[in-house]
Protein backbone atom coordinates (compact mmCIF):
# COMPACT_ATOMS: atom_id res chain seq x y z
CA UNK A 1 0.00 0.00 0.00
CA UNK A 2 1.41 3.35 -1.07
CA UNK A 3 0.88 6.39 1.15
CA UNK A 4 0.86 9.74 -0.68
CA UNK A 5 0.72 13.00 1.29
CA UNK A 6 -0.41 16.21 -0.44
CA UNK A 7 1.08 19.05 1.58
CA UNK A 8 1.38 22.82 1.55
CA UNK A 9 0.83 24.97 4.67
CA UNK A 10 -0.77 27.69 2.56
CA UNK A 11 -4.48 27.43 1.85
CA UNK A 12 -5.71 27.64 -1.71
CA UNK A 13 -2.73 25.93 -3.31
CA UNK A 14 -4.86 23.17 -4.81
CA UNK A 15 -4.14 20.32 -2.39
CA UNK A 16 -7.68 18.92 -2.51
CA UNK A 17 -7.84 19.21 -6.29
CA UNK A 18 -4.63 17.20 -6.61
CA UNK A 19 -5.80 14.63 -4.04
CA UNK A 20 -9.23 13.94 -5.53
CA UNK A 21 -7.98 13.80 -9.11
CA UNK A 22 -5.19 11.42 -8.14
CA UNK A 23 -7.76 9.23 -6.41
CA UNK A 24 -9.98 9.43 -9.50
CA UNK A 25 -7.10 8.35 -11.73
CA UNK A 26 -6.18 5.38 -9.53
CA UNK A 27 -9.80 4.25 -9.17
CA UNK A 28 -10.35 4.44 -12.93
CA UNK A 29 -7.33 2.15 -13.38
CA UNK A 30 -8.75 -0.55 -11.12
CA UNK A 31 -6.88 0.37 -7.93
CA UNK A 32 -8.50 0.81 -4.51
CA UNK A 33 -7.48 4.30 -3.34
CA UNK A 34 -8.63 5.74 -0.02
CA UNK A 35 -8.78 9.48 0.67
CA UNK A 36 -7.84 10.59 4.18
CA UNK A 37 -9.29 14.08 4.63
CA UNK A 38 -7.59 16.08 7.40
CA UNK A 39 -8.91 19.41 6.11
CA UNK A 40 -11.66 20.78 8.42
CA UNK A 41 -13.50 22.04 5.34
CA UNK A 42 -14.16 18.41 4.38
CA UNK A 43 -13.92 19.12 0.64
CA UNK A 44 -12.67 15.64 -0.28
CA UNK A 45 -15.49 14.05 1.69
CA UNK A 46 -18.14 16.20 -0.02
CA UNK A 47 -16.63 15.38 -3.42
CA UNK A 48 -16.74 11.63 -2.78
CA UNK A 49 -20.39 11.82 -1.70
CA UNK A 50 -21.29 13.21 -5.13
CA UNK A 51 -19.99 10.12 -6.95
CA UNK A 52 -22.56 7.93 -8.66
CA UNK A 53 -22.99 4.18 -8.03
CA UNK A 54 -21.79 3.50 -11.57
CA UNK A 55 -18.40 5.11 -10.80
CA UNK A 56 -15.58 3.28 -9.01
CA UNK A 57 -16.02 3.79 -5.24
CA UNK A 58 -13.48 5.92 -3.39
CA UNK A 59 -13.75 5.59 0.41
CA UNK A 60 -12.99 8.72 2.43
CA UNK A 61 -11.82 8.79 6.03
CA UNK A 62 -13.00 11.98 7.75
CA UNK A 63 -9.75 12.43 9.67
CA UNK A 64 -10.68 16.02 10.58
CA UNK A 65 -13.59 14.80 12.73
CA UNK A 66 -13.07 14.00 16.39
CA UNK A 67 -15.04 11.13 17.90
CA UNK A 68 -14.62 10.64 21.63
CA UNK A 69 -16.43 7.30 21.44
CA UNK A 70 -13.57 5.60 19.54
CA UNK A 71 -9.78 5.63 19.59
CA UNK A 72 -7.95 7.75 17.08
CA UNK A 73 -6.24 4.73 15.52
CA UNK A 74 -9.64 3.04 15.02
CA UNK A 75 -11.04 6.18 13.43
CA UNK A 76 -8.11 6.35 10.98
CA UNK A 77 -8.09 2.65 10.12
CA UNK A 78 -7.70 1.89 6.41
CA UNK A 79 -9.67 -0.83 4.58
CA UNK A 80 -7.68 -4.02 4.14
CA UNK A 81 -8.04 -3.98 0.36
CA UNK A 82 -6.72 -0.43 -0.05
CA UNK A 83 -3.87 -0.07 -2.54
CA UNK A 84 -3.19 3.66 -1.97
CA UNK A 85 -3.84 6.14 0.83
CA UNK A 86 -3.96 9.77 -0.32
CA UNK A 87 -3.70 12.24 2.55
CA UNK A 88 -5.32 15.64 2.00
CA UNK A 89 -3.66 17.80 4.65
CA UNK A 90 -5.11 21.01 6.13
CA UNK A 91 -3.71 24.50 5.72
CA UNK A 92 -1.44 26.02 8.37
CA UNK A 93 0.44 22.81 9.20
CA UNK A 94 3.19 23.88 11.59
CA UNK A 95 6.81 22.78 11.07
CA UNK A 96 6.80 20.78 14.32
CA UNK A 97 3.89 18.71 12.96
CA UNK A 98 5.67 17.68 9.77
CA UNK A 99 7.44 14.59 11.17
CA UNK A 100 4.07 13.14 12.17
CA UNK A 101 2.29 14.23 8.99
CA UNK A 102 4.92 12.72 6.70
CA UNK A 103 5.69 9.59 8.72
CA UNK A 104 5.44 6.46 6.55
CA UNK A 105 4.75 8.58 3.46
CA UNK A 106 6.15 7.02 0.31
CA UNK A 107 5.64 10.23 -1.70
CA UNK A 108 4.99 13.86 -0.71
CA UNK A 109 3.40 16.19 -3.25
CA UNK A 110 3.81 19.95 -2.76
CA UNK A 111 1.54 21.97 -5.08
CA UNK A 112 2.55 25.60 -5.58
CA UNK A 113 0.81 28.40 -7.45
CA UNK A 114 2.59 30.99 -9.62
CA UNK A 115 2.58 33.93 -7.20
CA UNK A 116 5.13 35.63 -4.95
CA UNK A 117 3.27 34.63 -1.79
CA UNK A 118 3.00 30.99 -2.85
CA UNK A 119 6.67 30.82 -3.87
CA UNK A 120 7.64 32.19 -0.47
CA UNK A 121 5.50 29.60 1.33
CA UNK A 122 6.78 26.77 -0.86
CA UNK A 123 10.39 27.62 -0.06
CA UNK A 124 9.64 27.45 3.66
CA UNK A 125 7.72 24.20 3.24
CA UNK A 126 10.53 22.48 1.34
CA UNK A 127 13.09 23.72 3.86
CA UNK A 128 11.01 22.39 6.76
CA UNK A 129 10.56 19.02 5.07
CA UNK A 130 14.30 18.68 4.64
CA UNK A 131 15.44 20.11 7.98
CA UNK A 132 12.58 19.41 10.40
CA UNK A 133 10.99 16.27 8.96
CA UNK A 134 14.50 15.03 8.08
CA UNK A 135 13.55 13.80 4.60
CA UNK A 136 16.69 13.22 2.54
CA UNK A 137 16.86 14.30 -1.09
CA UNK A 138 18.22 10.95 -2.26
CA UNK A 139 15.04 9.25 -1.05
CA UNK A 140 13.17 10.93 -3.92
CA UNK A 141 10.06 11.27 -1.78
CA UNK A 142 9.32 14.98 -2.36
CA UNK A 143 7.88 16.23 -5.64
CA UNK A 144 6.69 19.74 -6.52
CA UNK A 145 3.64 20.39 -8.69
CA UNK A 146 3.42 23.73 -10.47
CA UNK A 147 -0.34 24.18 -10.24
CA UNK A 148 -2.87 26.36 -12.09
CA UNK A 149 -0.25 27.82 -14.39
CA UNK A 150 -0.62 29.86 -17.55
CA UNK A 151 2.57 29.21 -19.41
CA UNK A 152 2.61 32.37 -21.49
CA UNK A 153 3.12 34.57 -18.43
CA UNK A 154 6.16 36.05 -16.73
CA UNK A 155 5.03 34.67 -13.38
CA UNK A 156 5.16 31.14 -14.77
CA UNK A 157 8.74 31.69 -15.89
CA UNK A 158 9.63 33.07 -12.45
CA UNK A 159 8.01 30.06 -10.76
CA UNK A 160 9.93 27.53 -12.87
CA UNK A 161 13.23 29.33 -12.27
CA UNK A 162 12.58 29.28 -8.54
CA UNK A 163 11.63 25.60 -8.51
CA UNK A 164 14.86 24.73 -10.31
CA UNK A 165 16.88 26.29 -7.48
CA UNK A 166 15.34 23.90 -4.95
CA UNK A 167 16.91 20.76 -6.34
CA UNK A 168 13.55 19.00 -5.90
CA UNK A 169 11.92 17.37 -8.96
CA UNK A 170 9.05 19.15 -10.65
CA UNK A 171 6.79 16.15 -11.14
CA UNK A 172 3.95 17.90 -12.95
CA UNK A 173 2.99 21.21 -14.49
CA UNK A 174 -0.78 21.57 -14.44
CA UNK A 175 -2.55 24.32 -16.33
CA UNK A 176 -5.25 26.61 -15.00
CA UNK A 177 -8.32 24.82 -16.37
CA UNK A 178 -12.04 25.03 -15.65
CA UNK A 179 -12.26 21.27 -16.22
CA UNK A 180 -11.10 20.73 -12.64
CA UNK A 181 -13.96 22.88 -11.35
CA UNK A 182 -16.52 21.14 -13.56
CA UNK A 183 -15.27 17.69 -12.58
CA UNK A 184 -15.34 18.48 -8.85
CA UNK A 185 -18.94 19.63 -9.11
CA UNK A 186 -19.88 16.19 -10.46
CA UNK A 187 -17.85 14.13 -8.02
CA UNK A 188 -15.42 12.95 -10.67
CA UNK A 189 -11.87 13.70 -11.77
CA UNK A 190 -10.61 14.94 -15.12
CA UNK A 191 -9.60 11.34 -15.93
CA UNK A 192 -13.29 10.40 -15.84
CA UNK A 193 -14.46 13.20 -18.12
CA UNK A 194 -15.06 12.66 -21.83
CA UNK A 195 -11.69 12.49 -23.52
CA UNK A 196 -12.42 15.18 -26.09
CA UNK A 197 -13.14 17.64 -23.25
CA UNK A 198 -10.20 16.93 -20.94
CA UNK A 199 -7.48 15.41 -23.13
CA UNK A 200 -5.04 18.28 -22.57
CA UNK A 201 -5.55 18.14 -18.80
CA UNK A 202 -5.26 14.35 -18.59
CA UNK A 203 -2.00 14.31 -20.53
CA UNK A 204 -0.36 16.62 -18.01
CA UNK A 205 -0.66 13.91 -15.35
CA UNK A 206 1.65 11.53 -17.22
CA UNK A 207 4.93 12.69 -15.59
CA UNK A 208 3.33 12.65 -12.12
CA UNK A 209 2.02 9.11 -12.57
CA UNK A 210 5.43 7.95 -13.79
CA UNK A 211 7.13 9.50 -10.75
CA UNK A 212 4.63 7.93 -8.35
CA UNK A 213 4.53 4.45 -9.85
CA UNK A 214 7.89 4.17 -11.57
CA UNK A 215 6.15 3.16 -14.80
CA UNK A 216 4.66 5.33 -17.57
CA UNK A 217 0.97 5.03 -18.38
CA UNK A 218 0.71 5.14 -22.15
CA UNK A 219 -3.02 5.83 -22.00
CA UNK A 220 -2.38 9.28 -20.56
CA UNK A 221 -0.19 10.60 -23.33
CA UNK A 222 -0.17 9.28 -26.88
CA UNK A 223 2.55 11.75 -27.78
CA UNK A 224 5.23 11.21 -25.14
CA UNK A 225 5.78 10.53 -21.48
CA UNK A 226 6.72 14.18 -20.95
CA UNK A 227 3.33 15.47 -22.01
CA UNK A 228 3.55 18.50 -19.78
CA UNK A 229 6.00 20.18 -22.14
CA UNK A 230 9.15 19.37 -20.20
CA UNK A 231 12.21 17.31 -20.94
CA UNK A 232 13.91 15.36 -18.15
CA UNK A 233 17.49 16.27 -17.38
CA UNK A 234 20.16 14.77 -15.17
CA UNK A 235 19.21 14.65 -11.53
CA UNK A 236 15.51 14.17 -12.22
CA UNK A 237 14.75 17.90 -12.59
CA UNK A 238 12.87 18.75 -15.80
CA UNK A 239 13.96 21.56 -18.05
CA UNK A 240 11.18 23.74 -19.54
CA UNK A 241 10.74 23.12 -23.23
CA UNK A 242 10.88 25.86 -25.84
CA UNK A 243 7.14 26.18 -26.14
CA UNK A 244 4.22 27.11 -23.94
CA UNK A 245 0.79 25.58 -23.75
CA UNK A 246 -2.02 27.81 -24.89
CA UNK A 247 -4.34 29.23 -22.22
CA UNK A 248 -7.48 27.30 -21.28
CA UNK A 249 -9.86 27.27 -24.19
CA UNK A 250 -7.05 27.37 -26.75
CA UNK A 251 -5.52 23.94 -26.16
CA UNK A 252 -3.56 22.35 -28.95
CA UNK A 253 -1.93 25.55 -30.25
CA UNK A 254 1.52 25.78 -28.66
CA UNK A 255 3.04 29.23 -28.47
CA UNK A 256 6.80 29.29 -29.18
CA UNK A 257 8.84 31.13 -26.58
CA UNK A 258 12.37 31.13 -25.28
CA UNK A 259 13.06 28.30 -22.79
CA UNK A 260 13.17 29.26 -19.14
CA UNK A 261 16.79 29.48 -18.13
CA UNK A 262 18.66 30.54 -15.02
CA UNK A 263 17.98 33.94 -13.45
CA UNK A 264 19.46 36.95 -15.16
CA UNK A 265 23.16 37.22 -14.73
CA UNK A 266 24.19 34.28 -16.86
CA UNK A 267 25.32 31.84 -14.19
CA UNK A 268 23.67 28.46 -13.80
CA UNK A 269 21.69 27.95 -10.64
CA UNK A 270 23.15 25.12 -8.54
CA UNK A 271 20.96 22.70 -6.64
CA UNK A 272 20.20 24.31 -3.31
CA UNK A 273 21.34 22.68 -0.11
CA UNK A 274 18.91 22.18 2.75
CA UNK A 275 20.46 25.10 4.62
CA UNK A 276 20.29 27.34 1.54
CA UNK A 277 16.56 26.72 1.18
CA UNK A 278 15.94 27.52 4.84
CA UNK A 279 18.05 30.66 4.58
CA UNK A 280 16.46 31.99 1.40
CA UNK A 281 12.86 31.39 2.50
CA UNK A 282 12.33 34.72 4.25
CA UNK A 283 13.84 36.62 1.33
CA UNK A 284 11.84 34.99 -1.48
C-alpha cells in the first residue's frame, strides 16, 4: 500500500484538487485508493459523496472529525483492500507537525501556485521538510507540482526558475483549467471526463504518474511521457521546453517562446542545499 501526502501549509494551493484527481485516476485504473481528509472544510469528503454508483467507489476517512467514542487509531483505520492512501492535509500545518504528517509517506506532493506569496510559502515548506521532517533528497520522496499555471506569463517563468533552485523534482505542471472545477462539481476527476473535453488536462498527469509508480501510463499521453512540455534532465529535474501551452480554451496551439533558463546574470543555478533553502525562505 502506497501512502501519498499532499502538503502545503498555505491554503488555496490546490491540495484537494490534486488529491481527488489522483484518487480518481487510480480508481479508474482498477486500484482501490482511499482518501484521508484532514482538512476541516471536508472538501474531499463532499466530493466523494457526489460520486454515482456507476463510478468506481473511493472511500474517504473523515480524519478532521473528532469522535470521543472511539480511539484515534480506530477512526483512521484503512480498509484491508486499499492499494493507496492519499492524505489531503489542512492548511497552516506547523513545522513541528511535519514529522508526524509525513511519517510512513512514500511520496509527498507539494503543489505551488505561480505567485510571490505561494513561492515564499513553498520555499519554507521544502526547507522544513528537509530540515525538520528530516527527509533526505536521495530518497526521492518529495515532488513539486506547479499548479494552475498559464505558461505564457512572466510569473510562470519566475516560478519555474525558482523551482529549479530547490533541487527538488518538478513532477507535474498543471494548467489553469475550468475542467477541474466542472469535474469536482460532479464528483469525478478529469480522468473520468469525456476524452475530447479533458485530453489536454489528462495528458499533463503523465509525468506525475510515472514519478509515483515508476512506470509510464501510455493511455495518458499518446505523444510522449513528458506530455507537460518538459524534458527530463540529469538529476531528475525537468527543463522547460521551448514552447508554452495555450491558455485554457485554446488547447492544442503551442506558443513558441524562449526556454526558461537561469535567473538573469548568466550563471547556472546550482541545486540548493537544505540550509540554503531555509536561509532563502524569508527573502523569497
